[in-house]
Structure formats: structure tokens, C-alpha cells
Amino acid sequence: HTSPVEYISQRNNEDLLSCSIDQSIKIWKKTDNIFILEKSIDNAHTNMIHQVIEIDNKRIASCSGDMTVKLWEGNEPYELITTLDHGTAVFTILNIKQKDILLSGSYYEVKEWDLNTYKWMYYFSVSCINPNSMMENNGKIVVAGRIIIVLNYSFSFPLIKKIDTNIS
């Protein structure tokens, strides 16, 4: 990368994915306990890339300040499959593998995308500014930004717990 790295994630339990302010995605192949650059997707987005993750062995997803989530082929030649227009800068994405769903987090909102049709299915408002990370934990979604909230993942998203991180 030519600028600071924003995020790294594991791919196929061995290799790495990285993304950067330089708008590129890099795929790193583990060989003899060393990571060698396998592929660079330059200008993958038109703004800094906040996160890149493996969806399955066929797809990779990335999100960016350019208001999009992009899905890429998971193997050579790593071509673009589709672009999901979010409407505002996207800071985090989460793959719900058992449901073939992708969640994308932006200003005060999380959107749910069907990974079979690539259609937006559901939107819910979250009371945290710029959700910058999400994780799945025992059927609940944890969304972190200026505050941390925990949501039941049942397509109705009732708030379970809110943790204020603005401690004086």
C-alpha cells in the first residue's frame, strides 16, 4: 500500500486481505510462513476503503467512504461482481454466513443485503454515530461506534443493550 492500512482480515484460514486509504485492496498469499502479495486491486473504490472481508471462497466484500459496498470474485482474476449503493459512507461490513446476508454500517444506520440477489432487504436505525465495527456473538449483532449497542438478529432488530462509551 502507498498509504496507511485501514483493515486486515483473514482469508481461507491462511491468507490475508488488506485495504487502505490509497483505495486499494491487496490479497496476500501465505507461503513458508511469509505473506507474499498475490494481487493488488488498485482504485477499487473512489474513496478510502474502510474494510475488506471474505464472504466465502467465491467472494470478497469491501466498503468505502465512496458510499458503496463492492463484491469481488474471491479468486483470480478478482473481478468486480456488483456494487451495492449505500447512500452514505460505509464504515463496516459483516457477513452473516448462516443466512447468506451482508450487513453494512453507515451514519446511524445498518442495511441488510441478500447475498444471493444482491438486493437491499432491510434497514434499521442505530443510535451510534459512524458505526465502525460490527460482530456476531451468539445470535446477536454488536455494533460499535461512539456507543456500543447489542441487537437480536431476527430481522426485527429490537435493542437489547446500549453501552455508553462516552465516559467522563
N, C-alpha and C. Protein backbone atom coordinates (compact mmCIF):
# COMPACT_ATOMS: atom_id res chain seq x y z
N HIS A 1 0.85 -1.18 0.00
CA HIS A 1 0.00 0.00 0.00
C HIS A 1 0.88 1.24 0.00
N THR A 2 0.35 2.31 -0.56
CA THR A 2 1.09 3.56 -0.59
C THR A 2 0.62 4.53 0.50
N SER A 3 -0.42 4.14 1.26
CA SER A 3 -0.96 4.94 2.36
C SER A 3 -1.26 4.00 3.52
N PRO A 4 -1.58 4.54 4.69
CA PRO A 4 -1.85 3.67 5.84
C PRO A 4 -2.94 2.63 5.56
N VAL A 5 -2.72 1.46 6.13
CA VAL A 5 -3.68 0.36 6.01
C VAL A 5 -4.81 0.60 7.00
N GLU A 6 -6.04 0.46 6.53
CA GLU A 6 -7.23 0.66 7.37
C GLU A 6 -7.65 -0.63 8.06
N TYR A 7 -7.50 -1.78 7.37
CA TYR A 7 -8.07 -3.02 7.90
C TYR A 7 -7.36 -4.22 7.28
N ILE A 8 -7.19 -5.26 8.08
CA ILE A 8 -6.73 -6.54 7.56
C ILE A 8 -7.68 -7.63 8.06
N SER A 9 -7.85 -8.66 7.27
CA SER A 9 -8.69 -9.79 7.68
C SER A 9 -8.11 -11.08 7.12
N GLN A 10 -8.51 -12.17 7.74
CA GLN A 10 -8.02 -13.47 7.30
C GLN A 10 -8.87 -13.99 6.16
N ARG A 11 -8.24 -14.71 5.28
CA ARG A 11 -8.91 -15.30 4.12
C ARG A 11 -8.57 -16.77 4.07
N ASN A 12 -9.53 -17.61 3.85
CA ASN A 12 -9.38 -19.07 3.76
C ASN A 12 -8.49 -19.65 4.86
N ASN A 13 -8.62 -19.10 6.06
CA ASN A 13 -7.90 -19.57 7.25
C ASN A 13 -6.38 -19.49 7.13
N GLU A 14 -5.87 -18.81 6.13
CA GLU A 14 -4.44 -18.74 5.96
C GLU A 14 -3.95 -17.41 5.40
N ASP A 15 -4.51 -17.02 4.26
CA ASP A 15 -4.06 -15.83 3.57
C ASP A 15 -4.67 -14.58 4.21
N LEU A 16 -4.25 -13.41 3.75
CA LEU A 16 -4.74 -12.14 4.29
C LEU A 16 -5.31 -11.25 3.20
N LEU A 17 -6.24 -10.39 3.62
CA LEU A 17 -6.76 -9.31 2.80
C LEU A 17 -6.43 -8.01 3.51
N SER A 18 -6.09 -6.97 2.77
CA SER A 18 -5.87 -5.66 3.39
C SER A 18 -6.46 -4.58 2.50
N CYS A 19 -6.82 -3.46 3.13
CA CYS A 19 -7.34 -2.31 2.39
C CYS A 19 -6.75 -1.05 2.99
N SER A 20 -6.82 0.02 2.24
CA SER A 20 -6.07 1.21 2.62
C SER A 20 -6.76 2.50 2.20
N ILE A 21 -6.23 3.57 2.76
CA ILE A 21 -6.62 4.91 2.37
C ILE A 21 -6.32 5.13 0.89
N ASP A 22 -5.34 4.39 0.34
CA ASP A 22 -4.96 4.55 -1.07
C ASP A 22 -5.96 3.95 -2.05
N GLN A 23 -7.12 3.50 -1.55
CA GLN A 23 -8.23 2.98 -2.36
C GLN A 23 -7.93 1.63 -3.00
N SER A 24 -6.97 0.89 -2.43
CA SER A 24 -6.62 -0.41 -3.00
C SER A 24 -6.94 -1.54 -2.03
N ILE A 25 -7.14 -2.72 -2.61
CA ILE A 25 -7.29 -3.96 -1.87
C ILE A 25 -6.11 -4.85 -2.25
N LYS A 26 -5.53 -5.49 -1.27
CA LYS A 26 -4.41 -6.39 -1.54
C LYS A 26 -4.75 -7.77 -1.00
N ILE A 27 -4.38 -8.79 -1.79
CA ILE A 27 -4.56 -10.19 -1.40
C ILE A 27 -3.16 -10.74 -1.17
N TRP A 28 -2.94 -11.26 0.04
CA TRP A 28 -1.62 -11.75 0.45
C TRP A 28 -1.68 -13.26 0.61
N LYS A 29 -0.81 -13.98 -0.07
CA LYS A 29 -0.74 -15.44 -0.03
C LYS A 29 0.34 -15.86 0.97
N LYS A 30 -0.04 -16.77 1.87
CA LYS A 30 0.93 -17.27 2.85
C LYS A 30 1.74 -18.40 2.21
N THR A 31 3.05 -18.21 2.17
CA THR A 31 3.97 -19.19 1.61
C THR A 31 5.16 -19.30 2.55
N ASP A 32 5.40 -20.50 3.08
CA ASP A 32 6.52 -20.73 4.00
C ASP A 32 6.54 -19.70 5.14
N ASN A 33 5.36 -19.48 5.74
CA ASN A 33 5.19 -18.55 6.86
C ASN A 33 5.53 -17.09 6.53
N ILE A 34 5.51 -16.75 5.25
CA ILE A 34 5.71 -15.37 4.80
C ILE A 34 4.51 -15.01 3.94
N PHE A 35 4.04 -13.77 4.04
CA PHE A 35 2.94 -13.31 3.20
C PHE A 35 3.48 -12.59 1.99
N ILE A 36 3.16 -13.13 0.81
CA ILE A 36 3.60 -12.58 -0.47
C ILE A 36 2.39 -11.96 -1.16
N LEU A 37 2.58 -10.78 -1.73
CA LEU A 37 1.49 -10.12 -2.45
C LEU A 37 1.10 -10.95 -3.67
N GLU A 38 -0.16 -11.40 -3.68
CA GLU A 38 -0.68 -12.19 -4.80
C GLU A 38 -1.36 -11.30 -5.82
N LYS A 39 -2.11 -10.32 -5.33
CA LYS A 39 -2.89 -9.47 -6.24
C LYS A 39 -3.15 -8.12 -5.59
N SER A 40 -3.07 -7.07 -6.36
CA SER A 40 -3.44 -5.74 -5.92
C SER A 40 -4.59 -5.26 -6.81
N ILE A 41 -5.69 -4.88 -6.17
CA ILE A 41 -6.80 -4.29 -6.91
C ILE A 41 -6.71 -2.78 -6.65
N ASP A 42 -6.07 -2.08 -7.56
CA ASP A 42 -5.88 -0.65 -7.41
C ASP A 42 -7.15 0.09 -7.81
N ASN A 43 -7.38 1.24 -7.19
CA ASN A 43 -8.58 2.04 -7.46
C ASN A 43 -9.86 1.21 -7.33
N ALA A 44 -9.89 0.36 -6.32
CA ALA A 44 -11.05 -0.50 -6.09
C ALA A 44 -12.29 0.33 -5.74
N HIS A 45 -12.06 1.46 -5.10
CA HIS A 45 -13.13 2.41 -4.76
C HIS A 45 -12.62 3.80 -5.12
N THR A 46 -13.51 4.78 -5.04
CA THR A 46 -13.11 6.16 -5.34
C THR A 46 -12.86 6.98 -4.08
N ASN A 47 -12.85 6.33 -2.93
CA ASN A 47 -12.54 6.97 -1.65
C ASN A 47 -11.85 5.90 -0.81
N MET A 48 -11.37 6.29 0.36
CA MET A 48 -10.65 5.32 1.20
C MET A 48 -11.51 4.11 1.50
N ILE A 49 -10.88 2.95 1.58
CA ILE A 49 -11.58 1.70 1.87
C ILE A 49 -11.44 1.43 3.36
N HIS A 50 -12.58 1.24 4.00
CA HIS A 50 -12.59 1.05 5.46
C HIS A 50 -12.44 -0.41 5.87
N GLN A 51 -12.94 -1.33 5.06
CA GLN A 51 -12.89 -2.73 5.46
C GLN A 51 -12.97 -3.63 4.24
N VAL A 52 -12.32 -4.78 4.33
CA VAL A 52 -12.41 -5.82 3.30
C VAL A 52 -12.49 -7.16 4.04
N ILE A 53 -13.44 -8.02 3.61
CA ILE A 53 -13.64 -9.31 4.26
C ILE A 53 -13.92 -10.39 3.22
N GLU A 54 -13.66 -11.62 3.61
CA GLU A 54 -14.04 -12.75 2.77
C GLU A 54 -15.48 -13.13 3.07
N ILE A 55 -16.29 -13.26 2.03
CA ILE A 55 -17.68 -13.69 2.20
C ILE A 55 -17.71 -15.22 2.22
N ASP A 56 -17.13 -15.83 1.22
CA ASP A 56 -16.98 -17.27 1.11
C ASP A 56 -15.80 -17.49 0.17
N ASN A 57 -15.54 -18.72 -0.20
CA ASN A 57 -14.37 -18.94 -1.06
C ASN A 57 -14.57 -18.42 -2.48
N LYS A 58 -15.75 -17.85 -2.77
CA LYS A 58 -16.03 -17.32 -4.10
C LYS A 58 -16.10 -15.80 -4.15
N ARG A 59 -16.24 -15.13 -2.96
CA ARG A 59 -16.46 -13.68 -2.96
C ARG A 59 -15.72 -12.97 -1.83
N ILE A 60 -15.37 -11.72 -2.13
CA ILE A 60 -14.77 -10.80 -1.17
C ILE A 60 -15.63 -9.55 -1.19
N ALA A 61 -15.82 -8.91 -0.03
CA ALA A 61 -16.59 -7.67 0.05
C ALA A 61 -15.72 -6.55 0.60
N SER A 62 -15.95 -5.34 0.12
CA SER A 62 -15.24 -4.16 0.62
C SER A 62 -16.23 -3.02 0.77
N CYS A 63 -15.91 -2.10 1.71
CA CYS A 63 -16.77 -0.93 1.90
C CYS A 63 -15.91 0.31 1.98
N SER A 64 -16.52 1.46 1.65
CA SER A 64 -15.72 2.66 1.45
C SER A 64 -16.47 3.93 1.77
N GLY A 65 -15.70 4.99 1.87
CA GLY A 65 -16.26 6.33 2.01
C GLY A 65 -16.94 6.80 0.74
N ASP A 66 -16.83 6.04 -0.35
CA ASP A 66 -17.50 6.43 -1.60
C ASP A 66 -18.97 6.00 -1.64
N MET A 67 -19.50 5.57 -0.48
CA MET A 67 -20.91 5.23 -0.30
C MET A 67 -21.31 3.91 -0.96
N THR A 68 -20.33 3.01 -1.13
CA THR A 68 -20.64 1.72 -1.75
C THR A 68 -20.06 0.56 -0.96
N VAL A 69 -20.69 -0.59 -1.17
CA VAL A 69 -20.13 -1.89 -0.81
C VAL A 69 -19.91 -2.58 -2.14
N LYS A 70 -18.73 -3.15 -2.33
CA LYS A 70 -18.45 -3.85 -3.59
C LYS A 70 -18.16 -5.31 -3.28
N LEU A 71 -18.65 -6.17 -4.17
CA LEU A 71 -18.38 -7.59 -4.08
C LEU A 71 -17.50 -8.00 -5.24
N TRP A 72 -16.46 -8.77 -4.92
CA TRP A 72 -15.43 -9.16 -5.87
C TRP A 72 -15.37 -10.68 -5.95
N GLU A 73 -14.91 -11.19 -7.10
CA GLU A 73 -14.62 -12.62 -7.19
C GLU A 73 -13.54 -12.94 -6.17
N GLY A 74 -13.66 -14.09 -5.51
CA GLY A 74 -12.72 -14.47 -4.46
C GLY A 74 -11.44 -15.11 -4.95
N ASN A 75 -11.34 -15.33 -6.25
CA ASN A 75 -10.14 -15.93 -6.83
C ASN A 75 -9.77 -15.18 -8.10
N GLU A 76 -8.58 -15.47 -8.63
CA GLU A 76 -8.14 -14.80 -9.86
C GLU A 76 -9.25 -14.86 -10.89
N PRO A 77 -9.53 -13.80 -11.58
CA PRO A 77 -8.80 -12.54 -11.66
C PRO A 77 -9.33 -11.46 -10.71
N TYR A 78 -10.17 -11.83 -9.71
CA TYR A 78 -10.70 -10.89 -8.72
C TYR A 78 -11.49 -9.75 -9.37
N GLU A 79 -12.32 -10.09 -10.30
CA GLU A 79 -13.14 -9.10 -10.99
C GLU A 79 -14.30 -8.65 -10.11
N LEU A 80 -14.78 -7.44 -10.37
CA LEU A 80 -15.94 -6.89 -9.66
C LEU A 80 -17.20 -7.67 -10.06
N ILE A 81 -17.95 -8.12 -9.05
CA ILE A 81 -19.22 -8.81 -9.31
C ILE A 81 -20.36 -7.79 -9.34
N THR A 82 -20.44 -6.95 -8.31
CA THR A 82 -21.52 -5.97 -8.24
C THR A 82 -21.15 -4.86 -7.27
N THR A 83 -21.85 -3.74 -7.39
CA THR A 83 -21.71 -2.61 -6.48
C THR A 83 -23.06 -2.38 -5.81
N LEU A 84 -23.04 -2.30 -4.47
CA LEU A 84 -24.25 -2.02 -3.70
C LEU A 84 -24.17 -0.56 -3.26
N ASP A 85 -25.08 0.26 -3.72
CA ASP A 85 -25.09 1.68 -3.37
C ASP A 85 -25.76 1.85 -2.01
N HIS A 86 -25.01 2.39 -1.07
CA HIS A 86 -25.50 2.53 0.30
C HIS A 86 -26.17 3.88 0.54
N GLY A 87 -25.68 4.93 -0.10
CA GLY A 87 -26.27 6.26 0.05
C GLY A 87 -25.46 7.18 0.93
N THR A 88 -24.67 6.61 1.84
CA THR A 88 -23.74 7.39 2.67
C THR A 88 -22.47 6.55 2.85
N ALA A 89 -21.41 7.17 3.36
CA ALA A 89 -20.15 6.47 3.55
C ALA A 89 -20.37 5.20 4.39
N VAL A 90 -19.74 4.11 3.98
CA VAL A 90 -19.89 2.82 4.67
C VAL A 90 -18.61 2.54 5.44
N PHE A 91 -18.76 2.33 6.76
CA PHE A 91 -17.60 2.17 7.63
C PHE A 91 -17.31 0.73 8.01
N THR A 92 -18.33 -0.14 7.96
CA THR A 92 -18.11 -1.51 8.39
C THR A 92 -19.09 -2.45 7.69
N ILE A 93 -18.66 -3.69 7.51
CA ILE A 93 -19.50 -4.73 6.93
C ILE A 93 -19.35 -6.00 7.76
N LEU A 94 -20.40 -6.81 7.73
CA LEU A 94 -20.40 -8.07 8.48
C LEU A 94 -21.16 -9.11 7.68
N ASN A 95 -20.55 -10.27 7.51
CA ASN A 95 -21.17 -11.37 6.79
C ASN A 95 -21.86 -12.29 7.79
N ILE A 96 -23.16 -12.49 7.63
CA ILE A 96 -23.91 -13.45 8.44
C ILE A 96 -23.99 -14.72 7.59
N LYS A 97 -22.99 -15.58 7.74
CA LYS A 97 -22.83 -16.73 6.83
C LYS A 97 -24.01 -17.68 6.83
N GLN A 98 -24.54 -17.99 8.00
CA GLN A 98 -25.61 -18.99 8.05
C GLN A 98 -26.90 -18.49 7.39
N LYS A 99 -27.00 -17.19 7.12
CA LYS A 99 -28.20 -16.63 6.48
C LYS A 99 -27.91 -16.06 5.10
N ASP A 100 -26.66 -16.12 4.62
CA ASP A 100 -26.26 -15.55 3.34
C ASP A 100 -26.67 -14.08 3.24
N ILE A 101 -26.34 -13.35 4.30
CA ILE A 101 -26.70 -11.94 4.46
C ILE A 101 -25.41 -11.13 4.69
N LEU A 102 -25.37 -9.92 4.17
CA LEU A 102 -24.30 -8.98 4.46
C LEU A 102 -24.92 -7.76 5.12
N LEU A 103 -24.35 -7.33 6.24
CA LEU A 103 -24.77 -6.09 6.89
C LEU A 103 -23.74 -5.02 6.58
N SER A 104 -24.21 -3.79 6.34
CA SER A 104 -23.30 -2.67 6.11
C SER A 104 -23.68 -1.52 7.03
N GLY A 105 -22.70 -0.96 7.71
CA GLY A 105 -22.94 0.10 8.68
C GLY A 105 -22.47 1.45 8.19
N SER A 106 -23.36 2.45 8.37
CA SER A 106 -23.09 3.80 7.93
C SER A 106 -23.59 4.76 8.99
N TYR A 107 -23.66 6.05 8.68
CA TYR A 107 -24.13 7.04 9.64
C TYR A 107 -25.49 6.63 10.20
N TYR A 108 -25.56 6.29 11.46
CA TYR A 108 -26.80 5.99 12.17
C TYR A 108 -27.63 4.86 11.58
N GLU A 109 -27.08 4.04 10.69
CA GLU A 109 -27.89 3.01 10.08
C GLU A 109 -27.08 1.76 9.75
N VAL A 110 -27.81 0.66 9.70
CA VAL A 110 -27.26 -0.60 9.22
C VAL A 110 -28.24 -1.11 8.17
N LYS A 111 -27.69 -1.54 7.03
CA LYS A 111 -28.52 -2.12 5.97
C LYS A 111 -28.21 -3.60 5.87
N GLU A 112 -29.23 -4.34 5.48
CA GLU A 112 -29.12 -5.78 5.31
C GLU A 112 -29.27 -6.10 3.83
N TRP A 113 -28.31 -6.87 3.28
CA TRP A 113 -28.30 -7.21 1.85
C TRP A 113 -28.38 -8.72 1.69
N ASP A 114 -29.17 -9.17 0.74
CA ASP A 114 -29.26 -10.59 0.39
C ASP A 114 -28.09 -10.90 -0.54
N LEU A 115 -27.23 -11.84 -0.14
CA LEU A 115 -26.06 -12.17 -0.95
C LEU A 115 -26.36 -13.09 -2.13
N ASN A 116 -27.60 -13.52 -2.27
CA ASN A 116 -27.99 -14.30 -3.45
C ASN A 116 -28.49 -13.40 -4.57
N THR A 117 -29.25 -12.37 -4.20
CA THR A 117 -29.83 -11.47 -5.20
C THR A 117 -29.11 -10.12 -5.26
N TYR A 118 -28.27 -9.83 -4.24
CA TYR A 118 -27.59 -8.54 -4.10
C TYR A 118 -28.57 -7.39 -3.96
N LYS A 119 -29.72 -7.66 -3.39
CA LYS A 119 -30.74 -6.64 -3.17
C LYS A 119 -30.74 -6.22 -1.70
N TRP A 120 -31.03 -4.94 -1.47
CA TRP A 120 -31.21 -4.39 -0.14
C TRP A 120 -32.52 -4.91 0.40
N MET A 121 -32.50 -5.49 1.61
CA MET A 121 -33.70 -6.11 2.16
C MET A 121 -34.28 -5.33 3.33
N TYR A 122 -33.42 -4.80 4.18
CA TYR A 122 -33.91 -4.21 5.41
C TYR A 122 -32.95 -3.13 5.87
N TYR A 123 -33.48 -2.12 6.50
CA TYR A 123 -32.69 -1.03 7.04
C TYR A 123 -33.12 -0.83 8.48
N PHE A 124 -32.16 -0.62 9.36
CA PHE A 124 -32.55 -0.23 10.71
C PHE A 124 -31.65 0.86 11.22
N SER A 125 -32.24 1.73 12.00
CA SER A 125 -31.54 2.86 12.58
C SER A 125 -30.83 2.43 13.84
N VAL A 126 -29.59 2.89 14.00
CA VAL A 126 -28.84 2.59 15.22
C VAL A 126 -28.45 3.90 15.88
N SER A 127 -28.44 3.90 17.18
CA SER A 127 -28.17 5.14 17.90
C SER A 127 -26.69 5.31 18.18
N CYS A 128 -25.87 5.03 17.17
CA CYS A 128 -24.44 5.32 17.34
C CYS A 128 -23.95 6.01 16.07
N ILE A 129 -23.14 7.03 16.29
CA ILE A 129 -22.58 7.78 15.18
C ILE A 129 -21.47 6.96 14.54
N ASN A 130 -21.48 6.88 13.23
CA ASN A 130 -20.45 6.19 12.46
C ASN A 130 -20.12 4.81 13.01
N PRO A 131 -21.03 3.86 12.91
CA PRO A 131 -20.67 2.53 13.39
C PRO A 131 -19.41 2.05 12.67
N ASN A 132 -18.34 1.82 13.43
CA ASN A 132 -17.07 1.48 12.80
C ASN A 132 -16.70 0.02 12.92
N SER A 133 -17.50 -0.76 13.61
CA SER A 133 -17.28 -2.20 13.61
C SER A 133 -18.54 -2.91 14.04
N MET A 134 -18.68 -4.12 13.52
CA MET A 134 -19.81 -4.99 13.90
C MET A 134 -19.26 -6.39 14.05
N MET A 135 -19.89 -7.14 14.95
CA MET A 135 -19.53 -8.55 15.09
C MET A 135 -20.76 -9.34 15.50
N GLU A 136 -20.74 -10.61 15.17
CA GLU A 136 -21.81 -11.51 15.57
C GLU A 136 -21.36 -12.26 16.80
N ASN A 137 -22.26 -12.35 17.79
CA ASN A 137 -21.93 -13.05 19.03
C ASN A 137 -23.18 -13.75 19.54
N ASN A 138 -23.22 -15.08 19.43
CA ASN A 138 -24.34 -15.89 19.92
C ASN A 138 -25.70 -15.40 19.40
N GLY A 139 -25.80 -15.14 18.12
CA GLY A 139 -27.07 -14.73 17.52
C GLY A 139 -27.41 -13.27 17.71
N LYS A 140 -26.52 -12.51 18.28
CA LYS A 140 -26.73 -11.08 18.46
C LYS A 140 -25.68 -10.33 17.65
N ILE A 141 -26.03 -9.13 17.24
CA ILE A 141 -25.10 -8.28 16.50
C ILE A 141 -24.64 -7.17 17.43
N VAL A 142 -23.34 -7.03 17.57
CA VAL A 142 -22.75 -5.95 18.38
C VAL A 142 -22.28 -4.88 17.40
N VAL A 143 -22.78 -3.66 17.58
CA VAL A 143 -22.43 -2.53 16.71
C VAL A 143 -21.71 -1.51 17.58
N ALA A 144 -20.50 -1.14 17.18
CA ALA A 144 -19.70 -0.19 17.97
C ALA A 144 -19.44 1.07 17.17
N GLY A 145 -19.56 2.18 17.85
CA GLY A 145 -19.25 3.50 17.31
C GLY A 145 -18.92 4.37 18.51
N ARG A 146 -19.61 5.49 18.67
CA ARG A 146 -19.43 6.28 19.89
C ARG A 146 -20.06 5.59 21.08
N ILE A 147 -21.04 4.73 20.80
CA ILE A 147 -21.60 3.87 21.84
C ILE A 147 -21.60 2.45 21.29
N ILE A 148 -21.83 1.49 22.15
CA ILE A 148 -21.92 0.09 21.73
C ILE A 148 -23.36 -0.35 21.96
N ILE A 149 -23.97 -0.95 20.94
CA ILE A 149 -25.31 -1.49 21.10
C ILE A 149 -25.30 -2.97 20.73
N VAL A 150 -26.20 -3.72 21.32
CA VAL A 150 -26.33 -5.14 21.05
C VAL A 150 -27.73 -5.37 20.53
N LEU A 151 -27.84 -6.05 19.38
CA LEU A 151 -29.13 -6.27 18.73
C LEU A 151 -29.41 -7.76 18.61
N ASN A 152 -30.67 -8.15 18.83
CA ASN A 152 -31.08 -9.51 18.47
C ASN A 152 -31.10 -9.57 16.96
N TYR A 153 -30.60 -10.65 16.38
CA TYR A 153 -30.63 -10.75 14.92
C TYR A 153 -31.78 -11.65 14.52
N SER A 154 -32.96 -11.05 14.38
CA SER A 154 -34.15 -11.81 13.99
C SER A 154 -34.95 -11.06 12.95
N PHE A 155 -34.31 -10.13 12.24
CA PHE A 155 -34.92 -9.30 11.21
C PHE A 155 -35.84 -8.24 11.77
N SER A 156 -36.02 -8.17 13.09
CA SER A 156 -36.79 -7.07 13.68
C SER A 156 -35.89 -6.17 14.50
N PHE A 157 -34.72 -6.65 14.84
CA PHE A 157 -33.67 -5.87 15.48
C PHE A 157 -34.09 -5.09 16.72
N PRO A 158 -34.74 -5.70 17.71
CA PRO A 158 -35.02 -4.94 18.93
C PRO A 158 -33.72 -4.70 19.70
N LEU A 159 -33.61 -3.52 20.27
CA LEU A 159 -32.43 -3.18 21.04
C LEU A 159 -32.40 -3.99 22.33
N ILE A 160 -31.30 -4.67 22.59
CA ILE A 160 -31.15 -5.45 23.82
C ILE A 160 -30.43 -4.63 24.88
N LYS A 161 -29.30 -4.06 24.50
CA LYS A 161 -28.47 -3.38 25.48
C LYS A 161 -27.72 -2.24 24.81
N LYS A 162 -27.61 -1.14 25.50
CA LYS A 162 -26.87 0.02 24.99
C LYS A 162 -25.79 0.34 26.01
N ILE A 163 -24.56 0.42 25.55
CA ILE A 163 -23.44 0.73 26.44
C ILE A 163 -22.85 2.05 25.99
N ASP A 164 -22.89 3.04 26.85
CA ASP A 164 -22.36 4.36 26.51
C ASP A 164 -20.85 4.34 26.69
N THR A 165 -20.11 4.65 25.62
CA THR A 165 -18.65 4.67 25.70
C THR A 165 -18.11 6.08 25.94
N ASN A 166 -18.99 7.06 26.10
CA ASN A 166 -18.58 8.44 26.40
C ASN A 166 -18.51 8.62 27.91
N ILE A 167 -17.55 7.97 28.51
CA ILE A 167 -17.41 8.05 29.96
C ILE A 167 -16.51 9.22 30.31
N SER A 168 -17.00 10.11 31.18
CA SER A 168 -16.24 11.30 31.54
C SER A 168 -15.26 10.98 32.65
